[in-house]
Amino acid sequence: MAARWSIGRAAVLVAGLTGVSILLGFVRDAVIAAVYGAGPQLDAYFVALGLANIVLGLLGTSLTRASTPVLAREADGEQECPGHRTFDVVLTLAVVGIGALSVALGLAAAPVSRVLAPGLDGEAADLLVLLTRIVLVTTVLVAATDLLVALAQAHGVFRWGALQGVPFNLVMIAAAGLLGPRIGVVALAVGFVVGSLARLVLQLVPLARHRWPVRPRLDPRSPGVREIGWLLPPLLVGQAMLNVNTIVDRAVASTVGEGAVTAVFLGWRLVNLPEMLVVAALVAPLYPAMAAAAGAQDRERLRALVHRGLAVSLTLLVPVTVALLAAPQQVVTLAFGRGAFDERAVQVTAVAVVCFLPGLLALACRQVLVSACYAVGDTRGPVAVGVLAMVVNVVGDLTLAPVLGVAGIVVATSASLLVAAGLTGWLAARRHGLVPARSTLPLLGRTAVAGLGAALTTWGAVRLAGLDQAWAGAGLALVVAAVTYQLALALLRAPERYVALQVVRQVRRR
């Protein structure tokens, strides 16, 4: 595909637009926490949401990831094209398949809910069945949205996909704030459906603007569809492994105590938001570029993209990780500590945040490495790694949760992410030669040294300051972490010290 768009500029554009969505996501989560607190109602909602995400992960996400390299190669570099037979078939299959599965799960919502959350009973269990049936409506909408985003990205159009969180979050904020006090947590499920529809409508804008023809089609004979069919089974298995982790995490959390599911969910949301801003924004333009480099047999370019992805991810995420480690309670209080979200909920969520932090950096690295493996057509290797990581997570949940509660569940998740990142890196390096050891090992070493120095300095600064206001403590932690990490990189003469400056330059060029 012709290089009509810059990866750096695309990443900055996606990051900026995603940042708006993330800000609204914070507001959404804060409103939800304030209205409902950490209790059985919100636990039931998050479990129901987890089932919808399981369906989307199995079919929607797998189809999207398998389709992206094919669509990237089929795109001719122009924003107007005669159409994609492959995309038409995949979209049709996704709507039909996911719709049928969602209907079946909706009919069996009662027994499925008992498996998903054995710790919920009485009114909470009945509520879970109702919420499950409502949110399953969104699966077809979200799957179609993700595939339309993949089509646009294949043509170098990124802004509409990055903006999809804006209407969704606005709808959710309105549903929670206006309807929540009147009809309870059902307002969130209804808002989720309406917000998902708004996301889909937004993705129709580039479709109409660039006149990309899309039509229902069932034709499995095209080469692109056959290639996706070859890539899809291992991706399905990999997503199934992730879904097992989600099911076990929330099922075990439902037995730990009221609010445990909410604490784990919101803790992960808080930790995962910077990863979404940095890595998801980077991978959006990086993955099609990797696929194009792999299709052109340009391994040097592919290795350079992998190293760049790792360097940017670590350099931008380590200071955030350090800040969260030094002031977790202040950050959670700032994000959620108001209304019905009381001090106990803040403390439990803060524990989850700290225990999730090792998994944040591991997930960031694995996202880049898995994308590289997918770009060269290897889906089976990452799946095998995912199976092992799943075993680590499940065994950890069952053994640590009865002893450590929420902390045990989160530690198990972080351990599984660390195992997955390490093994995926080994796979990408040994099997495909995608990780240049001479540059990557020094990168990891510099990151560890600079991160340790920044962590010690930030922790000491926060403790010495003893600030009472949550915003002051969180702000101080972030500023000290960013400054000391950048200074450490400068003392080490690390090439990554210029990453932040390069990002600023890309923003100015926009």
Protein backbone atom coordinates (compact mmCIF):
# COMPACT_ATOMS: atom_id res chain seq x y z
CA MET A 1 0.00 0.00 0.00
CA ALA A 2 1.36 3.40 -0.90
CA ALA A 3 2.68 5.40 2.06
CA ARG A 4 0.09 8.16 1.85
CA TRP A 5 -0.08 8.61 5.57
CA SER A 6 2.61 8.94 8.22
CA ILE A 7 2.53 6.42 11.04
CA GLY A 8 3.75 9.06 13.48
CA ARG A 9 1.16 11.62 12.45
CA ALA A 10 -1.59 9.01 12.37
CA ALA A 11 -0.62 7.86 15.85
CA VAL A 12 -0.67 11.41 17.18
CA LEU A 13 -4.04 12.06 15.52
CA VAL A 14 -5.50 8.86 16.95
CA ALA A 15 -3.97 9.59 20.36
CA GLY A 16 -5.44 13.08 20.43
CA LEU A 17 -8.91 12.00 19.42
CA THR A 18 -8.73 8.96 21.68
CA GLY A 19 -7.70 11.29 24.49
CA VAL A 20 -11.02 13.08 24.17
CA SER A 21 -12.81 9.75 24.43
CA ILE A 22 -10.68 8.75 27.40
CA LEU A 23 -11.50 12.00 29.21
CA LEU A 24 -15.17 11.35 28.64
CA GLY A 25 -14.61 7.76 29.74
CA PHE A 26 -13.25 9.04 33.05
CA VAL A 27 -16.29 11.24 33.46
CA ARG A 28 -18.54 8.29 32.59
CA ASP A 29 -16.88 5.97 35.11
CA ALA A 30 -16.91 8.69 37.76
CA VAL A 31 -20.63 9.32 37.25
CA ILE A 32 -21.40 5.59 37.33
CA ALA A 33 -19.36 5.09 40.51
CA ALA A 34 -20.98 8.10 42.19
CA VAL A 35 -24.53 7.02 41.31
CA TYR A 36 -24.26 3.30 42.07
CA GLY A 37 -21.23 2.84 44.35
CA ALA A 38 -19.49 -0.53 44.64
CA GLY A 39 -22.28 -2.99 45.31
CA PRO A 40 -24.29 -5.91 43.90
CA GLN A 41 -26.16 -3.81 41.30
CA LEU A 42 -23.00 -2.57 39.62
CA ASP A 43 -21.40 -6.01 40.01
CA ALA A 44 -24.33 -7.50 38.06
CA TYR A 45 -23.95 -4.90 35.31
CA PHE A 46 -20.23 -5.55 34.87
CA VAL A 47 -20.79 -9.31 34.74
CA ALA A 48 -23.47 -8.86 32.05
CA LEU A 49 -21.15 -6.56 30.15
CA GLY A 50 -18.47 -9.23 30.39
CA LEU A 51 -20.70 -11.75 28.60
CA ALA A 52 -21.30 -9.34 25.72
CA ASN A 53 -17.55 -8.75 25.50
CA ILE A 54 -16.98 -12.51 25.42
CA VAL A 55 -19.20 -12.83 22.34
CA LEU A 56 -17.48 -9.87 20.71
CA GLY A 57 -14.05 -11.22 21.56
CA LEU A 58 -14.78 -14.65 20.14
CA LEU A 59 -16.21 -13.50 16.82
CA GLY A 60 -16.01 -9.74 16.36
CA THR A 61 -12.44 -9.12 17.50
CA SER A 62 -11.15 -12.30 15.88
CA LEU A 63 -12.70 -11.41 12.53
CA THR A 64 -11.38 -7.86 12.73
CA ARG A 65 -7.82 -8.94 13.54
CA ALA A 66 -7.83 -11.59 10.83
CA SER A 67 -9.28 -9.17 8.27
CA THR A 68 -6.97 -6.20 8.88
CA PRO A 69 -3.84 -7.55 7.08
CA VAL A 70 -5.94 -8.68 4.12
CA LEU A 71 -7.77 -5.37 3.83
CA ALA A 72 -4.49 -3.45 4.18
CA ARG A 73 -3.02 -5.34 1.23
CA GLU A 74 -6.17 -5.01 -0.86
CA ALA A 75 -6.36 -1.24 -0.35
CA ASP A 76 -4.71 0.53 -3.25
CA GLY A 77 -3.61 3.59 -1.27
CA GLU A 78 -6.48 5.72 -2.54
CA GLN A 79 -9.38 6.76 -0.34
CA GLU A 80 -11.79 5.87 -3.13
CA CYS A 81 -11.87 2.27 -4.31
CA PRO A 82 -14.19 -0.02 -6.24
CA GLY A 83 -14.97 -2.01 -3.10
CA HIS A 84 -13.77 -5.01 -1.12
CA ARG A 85 -15.46 -8.34 -1.77
CA THR A 86 -13.59 -9.72 1.24
CA PHE A 87 -14.99 -7.06 3.55
CA ASP A 88 -18.53 -7.59 2.31
CA VAL A 89 -18.39 -11.31 3.07
CA VAL A 90 -16.81 -10.84 6.50
CA LEU A 91 -19.35 -8.18 7.52
CA THR A 92 -22.24 -10.38 6.42
CA LEU A 93 -20.91 -13.41 8.29
CA ALA A 94 -20.27 -11.32 11.41
CA VAL A 95 -23.79 -9.91 11.53
CA VAL A 96 -25.42 -13.30 10.97
CA GLY A 97 -23.13 -15.36 13.20
CA ILE A 98 -22.90 -12.98 16.13
CA GLY A 99 -26.60 -12.22 15.96
CA ALA A 100 -27.52 -15.91 16.13
CA LEU A 101 -25.15 -16.56 19.04
CA SER A 102 -26.46 -13.57 20.97
CA VAL A 103 -30.07 -14.71 20.56
CA ALA A 104 -29.17 -18.18 21.82
CA LEU A 105 -27.35 -16.76 24.85
CA GLY A 106 -30.24 -14.43 25.58
CA LEU A 107 -32.65 -17.37 25.68
CA ALA A 108 -30.31 -19.22 28.04
CA ALA A 109 -29.49 -16.15 30.14
CA ALA A 110 -30.62 -17.65 33.48
CA PRO A 111 -28.34 -20.73 33.56
CA VAL A 112 -25.52 -18.80 31.88
CA SER A 113 -25.73 -16.10 34.57
CA ARG A 114 -25.43 -18.68 37.35
CA VAL A 115 -22.16 -19.85 35.81
CA LEU A 116 -20.83 -16.33 35.27
CA ALA A 117 -21.51 -15.10 38.82
CA PRO A 118 -22.16 -17.89 41.33
CA GLY A 119 -21.74 -15.42 44.18
CA LEU A 120 -24.75 -13.32 43.15
CA ASP A 121 -28.13 -14.47 44.43
CA GLY A 122 -31.68 -13.22 45.01
CA GLU A 123 -32.52 -9.88 43.39
CA ALA A 124 -28.96 -9.43 42.11
CA ALA A 125 -29.18 -12.75 40.21
CA ASP A 126 -32.53 -11.80 38.64
CA LEU A 127 -31.15 -8.41 37.71
CA LEU A 128 -28.16 -10.07 36.05
CA VAL A 129 -30.45 -12.08 33.75
CA LEU A 130 -32.30 -8.94 32.65
CA LEU A 131 -29.11 -6.95 32.09
CA THR A 132 -27.56 -9.81 30.13
CA ARG A 133 -30.44 -9.93 27.67
CA ILE A 134 -30.32 -6.17 27.13
CA VAL A 135 -26.56 -5.78 26.56
CA LEU A 136 -26.40 -8.77 24.17
CA VAL A 137 -28.25 -6.57 21.69
CA THR A 138 -25.06 -4.53 21.31
CA THR A 139 -22.89 -7.37 20.04
CA VAL A 140 -23.94 -7.07 16.39
CA LEU A 141 -23.67 -3.27 16.53
CA VAL A 142 -20.16 -3.26 17.99
CA ALA A 143 -18.89 -6.02 15.66
CA ALA A 144 -20.10 -4.10 12.59
CA THR A 145 -18.54 -0.91 13.97
CA ASP A 146 -15.13 -2.54 14.50
CA LEU A 147 -15.10 -3.96 10.98
CA LEU A 148 -15.98 -0.58 9.48
CA VAL A 149 -13.13 0.97 11.47
CA ALA A 150 -10.76 -1.68 10.09
CA LEU A 151 -11.86 -0.85 6.54
CA ALA A 152 -11.26 2.85 7.09
CA GLN A 153 -7.84 2.25 8.65
CA ALA A 154 -6.84 0.11 5.67
CA HIS A 155 -7.31 3.26 3.59
CA GLY A 156 -5.41 5.47 6.02
CA VAL A 157 -8.53 7.07 7.54
CA PHE A 158 -8.19 7.00 11.33
CA ARG A 159 -10.07 9.93 12.85
CA TRP A 160 -13.57 8.47 12.75
CA GLY A 161 -12.54 5.27 14.48
CA ALA A 162 -10.73 7.25 17.17
CA LEU A 163 -13.82 9.41 17.72
CA GLN A 164 -16.25 6.55 18.28
CA GLY A 165 -15.90 6.73 22.06
CA VAL A 166 -17.22 10.31 22.17
CA PRO A 167 -20.90 9.70 21.34
CA PHE A 168 -20.87 6.43 23.27
CA ASN A 169 -19.55 8.03 26.45
CA LEU A 170 -21.90 11.01 26.16
CA VAL A 171 -24.87 8.66 25.95
CA MET A 172 -23.62 6.62 28.92
CA ILE A 173 -23.05 9.72 31.04
CA ALA A 174 -26.58 10.90 30.31
CA ALA A 175 -28.05 7.47 31.02
CA ALA A 176 -26.25 7.11 34.37
CA GLY A 177 -26.73 10.69 35.54
CA LEU A 178 -30.30 11.29 34.38
CA LEU A 179 -31.93 7.85 34.35
CA GLY A 180 -29.83 6.00 36.93
CA PRO A 181 -31.44 7.54 40.02
CA ARG A 182 -34.90 6.72 38.58
CA ILE A 183 -34.64 3.21 37.10
CA GLY A 184 -31.45 1.91 38.64
CA VAL A 185 -28.69 0.04 36.87
CA VAL A 186 -30.99 -0.90 33.97
CA ALA A 187 -30.28 2.63 32.73
CA LEU A 188 -26.66 1.61 32.07
CA ALA A 189 -27.70 -1.37 29.94
CA VAL A 190 -30.11 0.76 27.90
CA GLY A 191 -27.46 3.46 27.54
CA PHE A 192 -24.99 0.84 26.36
CA VAL A 193 -27.33 -0.17 23.54
CA VAL A 194 -28.06 3.41 22.45
CA GLY A 195 -24.40 4.40 22.74
CA SER A 196 -23.31 1.42 20.64
CA LEU A 197 -25.79 2.42 17.96
CA ALA A 198 -24.32 5.95 17.99
CA ARG A 199 -20.83 4.48 17.49
CA LEU A 200 -22.04 2.57 14.45
CA VAL A 201 -23.74 5.60 12.92
CA LEU A 202 -20.51 7.60 13.26
CA GLN A 203 -18.58 5.00 11.23
CA LEU A 204 -21.03 5.42 8.37
CA VAL A 205 -19.66 8.94 7.80
CA PRO A 206 -16.34 7.91 6.16
CA LEU A 207 -18.19 5.16 4.31
CA ALA A 208 -20.44 7.75 2.68
CA ARG A 209 -17.77 10.42 2.28
CA HIS A 210 -15.32 8.18 0.40
CA ARG A 211 -18.06 6.20 -1.34
CA TRP A 212 -16.75 2.81 -0.33
CA PRO A 213 -19.37 0.38 -1.65
CA VAL A 214 -20.58 -2.13 0.94
CA ARG A 215 -23.21 -4.77 0.24
CA PRO A 216 -24.33 -8.07 1.78
CA ARG A 217 -22.43 -10.92 0.20
CA LEU A 218 -21.88 -14.62 0.88
CA ASP A 219 -18.98 -15.74 -1.30
CA PRO A 220 -16.34 -17.85 0.48
CA ARG A 221 -14.43 -18.46 -2.76
CA SER A 222 -12.43 -15.23 -2.89
CA PRO A 223 -8.73 -15.52 -1.94
CA GLY A 224 -9.06 -12.92 0.80
CA VAL A 225 -11.87 -14.80 2.50
CA ARG A 226 -9.91 -18.06 2.32
CA GLU A 227 -6.89 -16.37 3.88
CA ILE A 228 -9.03 -14.98 6.70
CA GLY A 229 -10.51 -18.44 7.17
CA TRP A 230 -7.01 -19.80 7.60
CA LEU A 231 -6.09 -17.10 10.13
CA LEU A 232 -9.36 -17.21 12.06
CA PRO A 233 -9.31 -20.57 13.97
CA PRO A 234 -6.21 -19.83 16.07
CA LEU A 235 -7.49 -16.33 16.74
CA LEU A 236 -10.78 -17.79 17.93
CA VAL A 237 -8.89 -20.11 20.26
CA GLY A 238 -6.79 -17.21 21.52
CA GLN A 239 -9.83 -15.07 22.21
CA ALA A 240 -11.51 -18.04 23.90
CA MET A 241 -8.54 -18.25 26.26
CA LEU A 242 -8.90 -14.57 27.11
CA ASN A 243 -12.60 -15.10 27.67
CA VAL A 244 -11.91 -17.92 30.08
CA ASN A 245 -9.76 -15.48 32.05
CA THR A 246 -12.59 -12.95 32.13
CA ILE A 247 -15.17 -15.53 33.17
CA VAL A 248 -13.01 -16.94 35.95
CA ASP A 249 -11.94 -13.50 37.20
CA ARG A 250 -15.50 -12.23 37.57
CA ALA A 251 -16.92 -15.52 38.81
CA VAL A 252 -14.27 -15.72 41.55
CA ALA A 253 -14.67 -12.01 42.34
CA SER A 254 -18.42 -12.49 42.83
CA THR A 255 -17.62 -14.92 45.67
CA VAL A 256 -15.10 -12.62 47.40
CA GLY A 257 -17.64 -10.05 48.56
CA GLU A 258 -19.96 -7.26 47.45
CA GLY A 259 -18.23 -4.72 45.26
CA ALA A 260 -15.28 -6.99 44.40
CA VAL A 261 -16.27 -7.28 40.73
CA THR A 262 -16.62 -3.50 40.56
CA ALA A 263 -13.24 -2.90 42.24
CA VAL A 264 -11.46 -5.23 39.81
CA PHE A 265 -13.25 -3.73 36.82
CA LEU A 266 -12.65 -0.08 37.74
CA GLY A 267 -9.08 -0.80 38.83
CA TRP A 268 -8.35 -2.29 35.44
CA ARG A 269 -10.14 0.56 33.69
CA LEU A 270 -7.94 3.07 35.45
CA VAL A 271 -4.74 1.18 34.66
CA ASN A 272 -5.77 0.32 31.11
CA LEU A 273 -6.72 3.86 30.08
CA PRO A 274 -3.13 5.08 29.53
CA GLU A 275 -2.39 1.85 27.65
CA MET A 276 -5.38 2.55 25.41
CA LEU A 277 -4.21 6.10 24.79
CA VAL A 278 -0.61 5.17 23.97
CA VAL A 279 -0.56 1.62 22.63
CA ALA A 280 -3.98 1.41 21.01
CA ALA A 281 -3.38 4.76 19.31
CA LEU A 282 0.05 3.55 18.17
CA VAL A 283 -1.03 0.11 17.02
CA ALA A 284 -3.98 1.46 15.01
CA PRO A 285 -1.69 2.85 12.25
CA LEU A 286 1.21 0.51 13.10
CA TYR A 287 -0.60 -2.77 12.42
CA PRO A 288 -1.57 -1.99 8.80
CA ALA A 289 1.98 -0.69 8.23
CA MET A 290 3.40 -3.94 9.62
CA ALA A 291 1.11 -5.94 7.35
CA ALA A 292 2.21 -3.88 4.35
CA ALA A 293 5.91 -4.34 5.24
CA ALA A 294 5.41 -8.07 5.68
CA GLY A 295 3.59 -8.27 2.33
CA ALA A 296 6.51 -6.49 0.67
CA GLN A 297 9.00 -8.87 2.35
CA ASP A 298 10.70 -5.87 3.97
CA ARG A 299 11.93 -7.43 7.21
CA GLU A 300 14.20 -4.51 8.08
CA ARG A 301 11.25 -2.15 7.96
CA LEU A 302 9.18 -4.58 10.02
CA ARG A 303 11.87 -4.90 12.70
CA ALA A 304 12.20 -1.12 12.83
CA LEU A 305 8.45 -0.80 13.35
CA VAL A 306 8.51 -3.34 16.18
CA HIS A 307 11.37 -1.58 17.95
CA ARG A 308 9.72 1.79 17.50
CA GLY A 309 6.48 0.47 18.93
CA LEU A 310 8.21 -0.96 22.00
CA ALA A 311 10.28 2.19 22.58
CA VAL A 312 7.34 4.58 22.37
CA SER A 313 5.09 2.36 24.51
CA LEU A 314 7.60 1.95 27.33
CA THR A 315 8.84 5.54 27.29
CA LEU A 316 5.36 7.01 27.59
CA LEU A 317 3.86 4.42 29.95
CA VAL A 318 6.62 4.01 32.55
CA PRO A 319 6.10 7.50 34.10
CA VAL A 320 2.35 6.82 34.33
CA THR A 321 3.05 3.47 35.99
CA VAL A 322 5.39 5.14 38.48
CA ALA A 323 2.80 7.80 39.34
CA LEU A 324 0.09 5.19 39.94
CA LEU A 325 2.46 3.18 42.11
CA ALA A 326 3.39 6.19 44.23
CA ALA A 327 -0.12 7.62 44.73
CA PRO A 328 -2.75 4.94 44.00
CA GLN A 329 -5.30 6.03 46.59
CA GLN A 330 -5.12 9.67 45.54
CA VAL A 331 -5.63 8.72 41.88
CA VAL A 332 -8.60 6.46 42.65
CA THR A 333 -10.14 9.13 44.89
CA LEU A 334 -9.69 11.72 42.15
CA ALA A 335 -11.26 9.42 39.54
CA PHE A 336 -14.11 7.77 41.46
CA GLY A 337 -14.19 8.91 45.10
CA ARG A 338 -17.49 10.75 45.29
CA GLY A 339 -21.18 10.07 45.86
CA ALA A 340 -21.95 6.43 46.68
CA PHE A 341 -18.34 5.34 46.02
CA ASP A 342 -17.20 5.39 49.64
CA GLU A 343 -13.77 5.19 51.32
CA ARG A 344 -13.81 1.40 51.52
CA ALA A 345 -14.48 1.15 47.77
CA VAL A 346 -11.59 3.56 47.14
CA GLN A 347 -9.19 1.48 49.25
CA VAL A 348 -10.10 -1.83 47.58
CA THR A 349 -9.87 -0.31 44.09
CA ALA A 350 -6.49 1.25 44.95
CA VAL A 351 -5.18 -2.21 45.91
CA ALA A 352 -6.35 -3.50 42.53
CA VAL A 353 -4.60 -0.63 40.74
CA VAL A 354 -1.24 -1.35 42.37
CA CYS A 355 -1.44 -5.07 41.65
CA PHE A 356 -2.38 -4.42 38.02
CA LEU A 357 0.64 -2.19 37.29
CA PRO A 358 3.13 -4.92 36.25
CA GLY A 359 0.52 -6.15 33.80
CA LEU A 360 0.19 -2.69 32.25
CA LEU A 361 3.72 -2.63 30.83
CA ALA A 362 3.55 -6.31 29.90
CA LEU A 363 0.31 -5.79 27.99
CA ALA A 364 1.74 -2.77 26.15
CA CYS A 365 4.73 -4.76 24.90
CA ARG A 366 2.65 -7.80 24.03
CA GLN A 367 0.24 -5.72 21.93
CA VAL A 368 3.08 -4.63 19.66
CA LEU A 369 4.67 -8.09 19.49
CA VAL A 370 1.41 -9.91 18.77
CA SER A 371 0.59 -7.43 16.00
CA ALA A 372 3.97 -8.17 14.42
CA CYS A 373 3.35 -11.92 14.59
CA TYR A 374 -0.09 -11.49 13.02
CA ALA A 375 1.40 -9.33 10.28
CA VAL A 376 3.66 -12.19 9.14
CA GLY A 377 0.77 -14.65 9.30
CA ASP A 378 1.62 -16.37 12.59
CA THR A 379 -1.51 -16.63 14.70
CA ARG A 380 -0.85 -20.07 16.16
CA GLY A 381 2.23 -19.09 18.15
CA PRO A 382 0.52 -16.28 20.09
CA VAL A 383 -2.44 -18.59 20.70
CA ALA A 384 -0.18 -21.22 22.29
CA VAL A 385 1.26 -18.50 24.49
CA GLY A 386 -2.26 -17.39 25.38
CA VAL A 387 -3.19 -20.90 26.48
CA LEU A 388 -0.29 -21.02 28.91
CA ALA A 389 -1.09 -17.53 30.20
CA MET A 390 -4.69 -18.60 30.74
CA VAL A 391 -3.57 -21.53 32.86
CA VAL A 392 -1.42 -19.18 34.97
CA ASN A 393 -4.38 -16.82 35.47
CA VAL A 394 -6.95 -19.48 36.34
CA VAL A 395 -4.66 -21.33 38.76
CA GLY A 396 -3.70 -18.01 40.33
CA ASP A 397 -7.34 -16.96 40.75
CA LEU A 398 -8.36 -20.21 42.41
CA THR A 399 -5.36 -20.35 44.75
CA LEU A 400 -4.77 -16.68 45.62
CA ALA A 401 -8.30 -15.23 45.79
CA PRO A 402 -9.37 -17.24 48.87
CA VAL A 403 -6.29 -15.91 50.69
CA LEU A 404 -5.77 -12.39 49.30
CA GLY A 405 -9.23 -11.51 47.98
CA VAL A 406 -9.24 -8.84 45.26
CA ALA A 407 -5.46 -8.57 45.39
CA GLY A 408 -5.12 -12.28 44.63
CA ILE A 409 -7.32 -12.04 41.53
CA VAL A 410 -5.37 -9.07 40.20
CA VAL A 411 -1.94 -10.56 40.96
CA ALA A 412 -2.95 -13.64 38.98
CA THR A 413 -3.94 -11.47 36.02
CA SER A 414 -0.68 -9.51 36.11
CA ALA A 415 1.35 -12.72 36.34
CA SER A 416 -0.42 -14.13 33.29
CA LEU A 417 0.26 -10.92 31.32
CA LEU A 418 3.96 -11.01 32.24
CA VAL A 419 4.23 -14.64 31.13
CA ALA A 420 2.41 -13.86 27.88
CA ALA A 421 4.63 -10.85 27.10
CA GLY A 422 7.86 -12.72 27.80
CA LEU A 423 6.93 -15.76 25.73
CA THR A 424 5.53 -13.69 22.86
CA GLY A 425 8.77 -11.70 22.75
CA TRP A 426 10.77 -14.94 22.64
CA LEU A 427 8.50 -16.24 19.87
CA ALA A 428 8.78 -13.07 17.77
CA ALA A 429 12.56 -13.01 18.17
CA ARG A 430 13.42 -16.69 17.70
CA ARG A 431 10.87 -17.81 15.13
CA HIS A 432 10.51 -14.68 13.01
CA GLY A 433 13.52 -12.52 13.83
CA LEU A 434 11.26 -9.54 14.44
CA VAL A 435 12.91 -8.31 17.64
CA PRO A 436 16.41 -6.87 17.10
CA ALA A 437 18.26 -8.04 20.22
CA ARG A 438 21.09 -5.51 19.90
CA SER A 439 18.68 -2.62 20.30
CA THR A 440 15.83 -4.19 22.29
CA LEU A 441 17.83 -5.59 25.23
CA PRO A 442 19.54 -2.23 25.92
CA LEU A 443 16.11 -0.59 25.64
CA LEU A 444 14.71 -2.86 28.35
CA GLY A 445 17.77 -2.28 30.53
CA ARG A 446 17.56 1.49 30.27
CA THR A 447 13.84 1.36 30.96
CA ALA A 448 14.37 -0.68 34.13
CA VAL A 449 17.13 1.58 35.50
CA ALA A 450 15.34 4.84 34.70
CA GLY A 451 12.01 3.48 35.97
CA LEU A 452 13.51 2.37 39.29
CA GLY A 453 15.12 5.75 39.85
CA ALA A 454 11.90 7.58 39.01
CA ALA A 455 9.85 5.28 41.28
CA LEU A 456 12.07 5.86 44.32
CA THR A 457 12.15 9.62 43.76
CA THR A 458 8.40 9.92 43.18
CA TRP A 459 7.46 7.75 46.14
CA GLY A 460 9.70 9.85 48.41
CA ALA A 461 8.33 13.14 47.06
CA VAL A 462 4.71 12.10 47.61
CA ARG A 463 5.40 10.90 51.16
CA LEU A 464 7.35 14.01 52.11
CA ALA A 465 4.74 16.39 50.66
CA GLY A 466 1.88 14.74 52.54
CA LEU A 467 -0.75 16.54 50.47
CA ASP A 468 -4.35 16.08 51.62
CA GLN A 469 -6.13 16.88 48.36
CA ALA A 470 -6.37 13.96 45.96
CA TRP A 471 -5.77 16.14 42.89
CA ALA A 472 -2.62 17.62 44.43
CA GLY A 473 -1.13 14.25 45.37
CA ALA A 474 -1.94 12.68 42.00
CA GLY A 475 -0.64 15.71 40.10
CA LEU A 476 2.59 15.83 42.08
CA ALA A 477 3.20 12.13 41.48
CA LEU A 478 2.70 12.45 37.73
CA VAL A 479 4.90 15.54 37.37
CA VAL A 480 7.76 14.14 39.47
CA ALA A 481 7.56 10.76 37.70
CA ALA A 482 7.66 12.33 34.23
CA VAL A 483 10.50 14.73 35.04
CA THR A 484 12.71 12.26 36.89
CA TYR A 485 12.21 9.54 34.26
CA GLN A 486 13.14 11.97 31.49
CA LEU A 487 16.21 13.11 33.45
CA ALA A 488 17.25 9.50 33.99
CA LEU A 489 16.98 8.81 30.26
CA ALA A 490 19.10 11.90 29.57
CA LEU A 491 21.78 10.76 32.06
CA LEU A 492 21.82 7.35 30.39
CA ARG A 493 22.05 9.06 26.98
CA ALA A 494 19.14 6.90 25.89
CA PRO A 495 17.74 7.47 22.39
CA GLU A 496 14.25 7.27 23.94
CA ARG A 497 14.78 10.64 25.61
CA TYR A 498 13.67 12.25 22.36
CA VAL A 499 10.37 10.36 22.12
CA ALA A 500 8.35 12.98 24.01
CA LEU A 501 9.86 15.78 21.90
CA GLN A 502 9.07 13.88 18.71
CA VAL A 503 5.46 13.48 19.81
CA VAL A 504 5.20 17.22 20.49
CA ARG A 505 6.62 17.96 17.04
CA GLN A 506 4.10 15.67 15.42
CA VAL A 507 1.32 17.51 17.25
CA ARG A 508 2.62 20.87 16.05
CA ARG A 509 2.73 19.61 12.47
CA ARG A 510 -0.95 18.78 12.62
